Amino acid sequence: MNSISVSDTVLKIEKLNIVFNSYVYRRETIRDRFVRAVGSPLSSLRSNKNQLHVLKDFNLEVKKGERLGILGHNGSGKTTLCRCIAGMLIPSTGRISVNGTRRSIFNTTIGIIPELTGRENAYLLSVLMFPELENDERNDLLEEALEFSELGDFLDTPYMHYSKGMQARLCLSVISSNECDLLILDEVFDGADMFFQEKIAKRVLNLIKNSGAVVFVSHNLEQIRTACNQVMVIDGGNAWFKGDVEEGIKLYTSRGH
């Protein structure tokens, strides 16, 4: 990961390639297996080695103020791209440059210890997500986030006893409480109960608006329309559209996704 000097460019990706190695298992008779096992024991465990080329010479530039929604069918490379931008995956080749602080939200329950209370887990989550905060800043952030969650007395109950909706309330309330220069969001609303979704959606939208630039992955087209001012459509490991939101959604849906 490299830094960049152009002030209004928050993210720049140049000729990014992500290649995963995979193994293809083929059907064969018992006789085939026996002959292969005798001749080469290792080859009996796997056949020919293949490579899965997820992203291909991928280029992208995101400037300050851009809220980029990413659309693509399952397996198109959306999450892989976000993980690369977040620094969780090392590119096979290519370069990713970020100007400023970045924060990624994939799994809202990351770092959670079920035996601890909601309040204790909220503190640990804040340390994981916002390590740069001073104690006073962290305390203020947590106080506001926990009040926003509306969990009340349940905050001092072990997290393992929370419903899925309550888990989402706690985690989303904390991770949506502080903006950054580059915000990466991947299906962040999954799991929130219907009574809390509207409230947390407004909060995340406010977070998006206050962050420098945003990369937002969602299958929900209304969320894309509300949160984003540009759309990119990924297909076959390439970005084949980047531009107007409605035009991008129209192209995406016209391909049967």
Protein backbone atom coordinates (compact mmCIF):
# COMPACT_ATOMS: atom_id res chain seq x y z
CA MET A 1 0.00 0.00 0.00
CA ASN A 2 1.37 3.41 -0.99
CA SER A 3 0.49 7.02 -0.25
CA ILE A 4 -0.41 9.53 -2.95
CA SER A 5 0.19 13.25 -3.13
CA VAL A 6 -2.70 14.53 -5.25
CA SER A 7 -4.91 16.10 -2.58
CA ASP A 8 -8.34 15.44 -4.11
CA THR A 9 -7.57 11.83 -5.03
CA VAL A 10 -8.33 9.59 -2.05
CA LEU A 11 -7.92 6.19 -3.72
CA LYS A 12 -6.02 5.14 -6.84
CA ILE A 13 -5.77 1.58 -8.16
CA GLU A 14 -3.48 0.78 -11.06
CA LYS A 15 -3.42 -2.51 -13.02
CA LEU A 16 -4.57 -4.57 -10.05
CA ASN A 17 -4.59 -8.33 -10.52
CA ILE A 18 -5.87 -10.82 -7.96
CA VAL A 19 -5.21 -14.48 -8.74
CA PHE A 20 -6.17 -17.38 -6.46
CA ASN A 21 -4.86 -20.89 -6.92
CA SER A 22 -7.52 -23.61 -6.95
CA TYR A 23 -7.66 -27.31 -7.64
CA VAL A 24 -10.13 -28.99 -9.96
CA TYR A 25 -11.37 -32.41 -8.91
CA ARG A 26 -12.49 -34.69 -11.73
CA ARG A 27 -14.65 -37.80 -11.88
CA GLU A 28 -12.80 -41.08 -12.43
CA THR A 29 -13.31 -44.80 -11.95
CA ILE A 30 -11.90 -46.87 -9.08
CA ARG A 31 -9.45 -48.42 -11.54
CA ASP A 32 -8.26 -44.93 -12.60
CA ARG A 33 -7.70 -43.96 -8.99
CA PHE A 34 -5.78 -47.15 -8.24
CA VAL A 35 -3.48 -46.74 -11.25
CA ARG A 36 -2.83 -43.09 -10.42
CA ALA A 37 -2.25 -43.80 -6.73
CA VAL A 38 0.34 -46.47 -7.51
CA GLY A 39 2.10 -44.33 -10.09
CA SER A 40 2.02 -41.05 -8.12
CA PRO A 41 0.54 -40.92 -4.60
CA LEU A 42 0.43 -37.12 -4.53
CA SER A 43 -1.41 -36.87 -7.82
CA SER A 44 -4.12 -39.11 -6.41
CA LEU A 45 -5.09 -36.32 -4.05
CA ARG A 46 -5.50 -33.63 -6.66
CA SER A 47 -5.49 -33.27 -10.40
CA ASN A 48 -4.46 -30.29 -12.47
CA LYS A 49 -3.83 -26.97 -10.77
CA ASN A 50 -5.94 -24.04 -11.95
CA GLN A 51 -5.81 -20.34 -11.29
CA LEU A 52 -8.86 -18.22 -10.56
CA HIS A 53 -8.28 -14.73 -11.93
CA VAL A 54 -10.72 -12.63 -9.87
CA LEU A 55 -9.64 -9.08 -10.82
CA LYS A 56 -7.89 -8.39 -14.13
CA ASP A 57 -5.77 -5.27 -14.77
CA PHE A 58 -8.25 -3.36 -12.63
CA ASN A 59 -8.01 0.44 -12.55
CA LEU A 60 -9.95 2.86 -10.37
CA GLU A 61 -9.65 6.41 -9.08
CA VAL A 62 -11.90 7.80 -6.35
CA LYS A 63 -11.75 11.48 -5.45
CA LYS A 64 -12.80 13.33 -2.34
CA GLY A 65 -16.57 13.67 -2.20
CA GLU A 66 -17.24 10.61 -4.33
CA ARG A 67 -19.57 8.01 -2.85
CA LEU A 68 -19.08 5.04 -5.13
CA GLY A 69 -21.61 2.22 -5.13
CA ILE A 70 -20.32 -1.11 -6.44
CA LEU A 71 -22.67 -3.51 -8.20
CA GLY A 72 -21.98 -6.99 -9.53
CA HIS A 73 -23.30 -10.53 -9.30
CA ASN A 74 -22.00 -12.95 -6.64
CA GLY A 75 -18.43 -13.91 -7.41
CA SER A 76 -17.73 -10.88 -9.58
CA GLY A 77 -14.97 -9.64 -7.26
CA LYS A 78 -16.70 -6.90 -5.24
CA THR A 79 -15.66 -8.10 -1.79
CA THR A 80 -12.21 -9.13 -3.03
CA LEU A 81 -11.70 -5.59 -4.32
CA CYS A 82 -12.80 -4.10 -1.00
CA ARG A 83 -10.51 -6.41 0.96
CA CYS A 84 -7.59 -5.34 -1.21
CA ILE A 85 -8.37 -1.65 -0.68
CA ALA A 86 -8.63 -2.30 3.06
CA GLY A 87 -5.21 -3.98 3.07
CA MET A 88 -6.56 -7.40 4.02
CA LEU A 89 -5.42 -9.03 0.76
CA ILE A 90 -2.09 -8.58 -1.01
CA PRO A 91 -2.48 -8.04 -4.78
CA SER A 92 -0.85 -10.54 -7.13
CA THR A 93 0.31 -7.54 -9.16
CA GLY A 94 -0.58 -3.86 -9.35
CA ARG A 95 -0.69 -0.91 -7.01
CA ILE A 96 -3.21 0.53 -4.53
CA SER A 97 -2.61 4.04 -3.16
CA VAL A 98 -4.62 5.69 -0.38
CA ASN A 99 -4.42 9.34 0.67
CA GLY A 100 -5.46 9.62 4.33
CA THR A 101 -7.08 7.34 6.88
CA ARG A 102 -9.20 4.40 5.79
CA ARG A 103 -11.76 2.31 7.63
CA SER A 104 -13.41 -0.86 6.40
CA ILE A 105 -16.59 -2.51 7.67
CA PHE A 106 -17.21 -6.06 6.48
CA ASN A 107 -18.29 -8.30 9.32
CA THR A 108 -19.96 -6.24 12.04
CA THR A 109 -19.23 -8.91 14.67
CA ILE A 110 -15.44 -8.99 14.14
CA GLY A 111 -13.54 -9.08 17.42
CA ILE A 112 -16.64 -9.91 19.46
CA ILE A 113 -16.21 -12.13 22.56
CA PRO A 114 -19.64 -13.71 23.23
CA GLU A 115 -19.04 -14.24 26.97
CA LEU A 116 -18.50 -10.51 27.59
CA THR A 117 -21.32 -8.02 27.99
CA GLY A 118 -22.52 -5.75 25.22
CA ARG A 119 -20.87 -2.78 26.93
CA GLU A 120 -17.52 -4.59 27.20
CA ASN A 121 -17.67 -5.72 23.59
CA ALA A 122 -18.52 -2.20 22.48
CA TYR A 123 -15.32 -0.96 24.13
CA LEU A 124 -13.20 -3.66 22.47
CA LEU A 125 -14.81 -2.91 19.12
CA SER A 126 -14.03 0.79 19.49
CA VAL A 127 -10.37 -0.01 20.19
CA LEU A 128 -10.24 -2.21 17.10
CA MET A 129 -11.99 0.28 14.83
CA PHE A 130 -10.63 3.56 16.25
CA PRO A 131 -7.19 2.89 17.74
CA GLU A 132 -6.16 6.53 17.30
CA LEU A 133 -8.67 7.89 19.86
CA GLU A 134 -7.64 9.23 23.24
CA ASN A 135 -9.45 7.90 26.32
CA ASP A 136 -11.74 10.93 26.67
CA GLU A 137 -12.66 10.81 22.98
CA ARG A 138 -13.33 7.08 23.18
CA ASN A 139 -15.53 7.44 26.25
CA ASP A 140 -17.60 10.17 24.58
CA LEU A 141 -17.94 8.09 21.41
CA LEU A 142 -19.03 5.01 23.36
CA GLU A 143 -21.53 6.90 25.47
CA GLU A 144 -23.21 8.29 22.36
CA ALA A 145 -23.11 4.96 20.47
CA LEU A 146 -24.54 2.92 23.34
CA GLU A 147 -27.36 5.40 23.85
CA PHE A 148 -28.07 5.27 20.11
CA SER A 149 -28.30 1.45 20.21
CA GLU A 150 -31.37 1.62 22.51
CA LEU A 151 -30.29 -1.63 24.20
CA GLY A 152 -30.75 -0.25 27.71
CA ASP A 153 -30.26 -2.84 30.45
CA PHE A 154 -29.21 -5.42 27.87
CA LEU A 155 -25.88 -3.60 27.56
CA ASP A 156 -24.79 -5.32 30.77
CA THR A 157 -26.00 -8.74 29.60
CA PRO A 158 -23.58 -11.22 27.97
CA TYR A 159 -23.48 -10.78 24.20
CA MET A 160 -24.13 -14.53 23.72
CA HIS A 161 -27.71 -13.98 24.85
CA TYR A 162 -28.42 -11.27 22.25
CA SER A 163 -30.70 -11.92 19.31
CA LYS A 164 -29.22 -11.39 15.85
CA GLY A 165 -31.00 -8.04 15.62
CA MET A 166 -29.59 -6.90 18.98
CA GLN A 167 -26.09 -7.94 17.92
CA ALA A 168 -26.42 -5.83 14.78
CA ARG A 169 -27.73 -2.87 16.81
CA LEU A 170 -24.72 -2.87 19.12
CA CYS A 171 -22.05 -3.35 16.47
CA LEU A 172 -23.49 -0.96 13.88
CA SER A 173 -24.00 1.74 16.52
CA VAL A 174 -20.31 1.63 17.43
CA ILE A 175 -18.71 1.25 14.01
CA SER A 176 -20.84 4.02 12.47
CA SER A 177 -19.85 6.59 15.09
CA ASN A 178 -16.71 8.11 13.53
CA GLU A 179 -15.88 9.26 9.98
CA CYS A 180 -12.58 8.88 8.07
CA ASP A 181 -10.94 9.83 4.75
CA LEU A 182 -11.82 6.57 2.98
CA LEU A 183 -14.75 4.49 4.16
CA ILE A 184 -15.25 0.95 2.79
CA LEU A 185 -18.64 -0.64 3.44
CA ASP A 186 -19.68 -4.15 2.37
CA GLU A 187 -23.32 -5.14 3.02
CA VAL A 188 -23.26 -3.37 6.39
CA PHE A 189 -27.04 -3.46 7.00
CA ASP A 190 -27.29 -7.27 7.02
CA GLY A 191 -28.82 -8.57 10.25
CA ALA A 192 -30.38 -5.34 11.58
CA ASP A 193 -34.00 -5.78 12.62
CA MET A 194 -36.65 -3.90 10.67
CA PHE A 195 -37.42 -1.52 13.55
CA PHE A 196 -33.78 -0.38 13.74
CA GLN A 197 -32.87 -0.42 10.05
CA GLU A 198 -34.33 3.00 9.24
CA LYS A 199 -32.59 4.61 12.21
CA ILE A 200 -29.20 3.02 11.55
CA ALA A 201 -29.55 3.73 7.82
CA LYS A 202 -29.82 7.46 8.54
CA ARG A 203 -26.79 7.25 10.81
CA VAL A 204 -24.69 5.39 8.23
CA LEU A 205 -25.78 7.85 5.55
CA ASN A 206 -24.59 10.68 7.78
CA LEU A 207 -21.30 8.83 8.28
CA ILE A 208 -20.98 8.44 4.51
CA LYS A 209 -21.63 12.13 3.90
CA ASN A 210 -19.05 13.19 6.51
CA SER A 211 -16.31 10.87 5.26
CA GLY A 212 -13.89 11.98 2.56
CA ALA A 213 -14.74 9.25 0.03
CA VAL A 214 -16.77 6.05 0.20
CA VAL A 215 -16.74 2.65 -1.48
CA PHE A 216 -20.12 1.04 -0.80
CA VAL A 217 -21.12 -2.52 -1.74
CA SER A 218 -24.78 -3.49 -1.55
CA HIS A 219 -27.30 -5.65 -3.40
CA ASN A 220 -30.00 -3.21 -2.32
CA LEU A 221 -30.48 -0.78 -5.20
CA GLU A 222 -32.43 1.70 -3.07
CA GLN A 223 -29.51 1.89 -0.65
CA ILE A 224 -27.20 2.54 -3.61
CA ARG A 225 -29.52 5.30 -4.88
CA THR A 226 -29.71 6.93 -1.46
CA ALA A 227 -26.08 6.66 -0.40
CA CYS A 228 -24.09 7.06 -3.61
CA ASN A 229 -23.42 9.72 -6.25
CA GLN A 230 -21.63 7.32 -8.62
CA VAL A 231 -21.91 3.64 -9.52
CA MET A 232 -19.38 1.12 -10.75
CA VAL A 233 -20.45 -2.22 -12.22
CA ILE A 234 -18.00 -5.12 -12.02
CA ASP A 235 -18.28 -8.10 -14.32
CA GLY A 236 -15.75 -10.76 -15.24
CA GLY A 237 -13.07 -9.20 -13.07
CA ASN A 238 -13.29 -5.83 -14.81
CA ALA A 239 -15.05 -2.52 -14.24
CA TRP A 240 -17.15 -2.12 -17.37
CA PHE A 241 -19.03 0.96 -16.16
CA LYS A 242 -18.37 3.89 -13.79
CA GLY A 243 -20.58 6.94 -13.77
CA ASP A 244 -24.16 8.09 -13.18
CA VAL A 245 -26.08 6.11 -10.55
CA GLU A 246 -29.29 5.56 -12.52
CA GLU A 247 -27.44 4.71 -15.72
CA GLY A 248 -25.27 2.23 -13.86
CA ILE A 249 -28.26 0.58 -12.18
CA LYS A 250 -30.05 0.34 -15.53
CA LEU A 251 -27.05 -1.34 -17.14
CA TYR A 252 -26.66 -3.68 -14.19
CA THR A 253 -30.30 -4.80 -14.17
CA SER A 254 -30.43 -5.13 -17.96
CA ARG A 255 -27.84 -7.91 -17.73
CA GLY A 256 -30.21 -10.00 -15.68
CA HIS A 257 -28.59 -9.56 -12.26
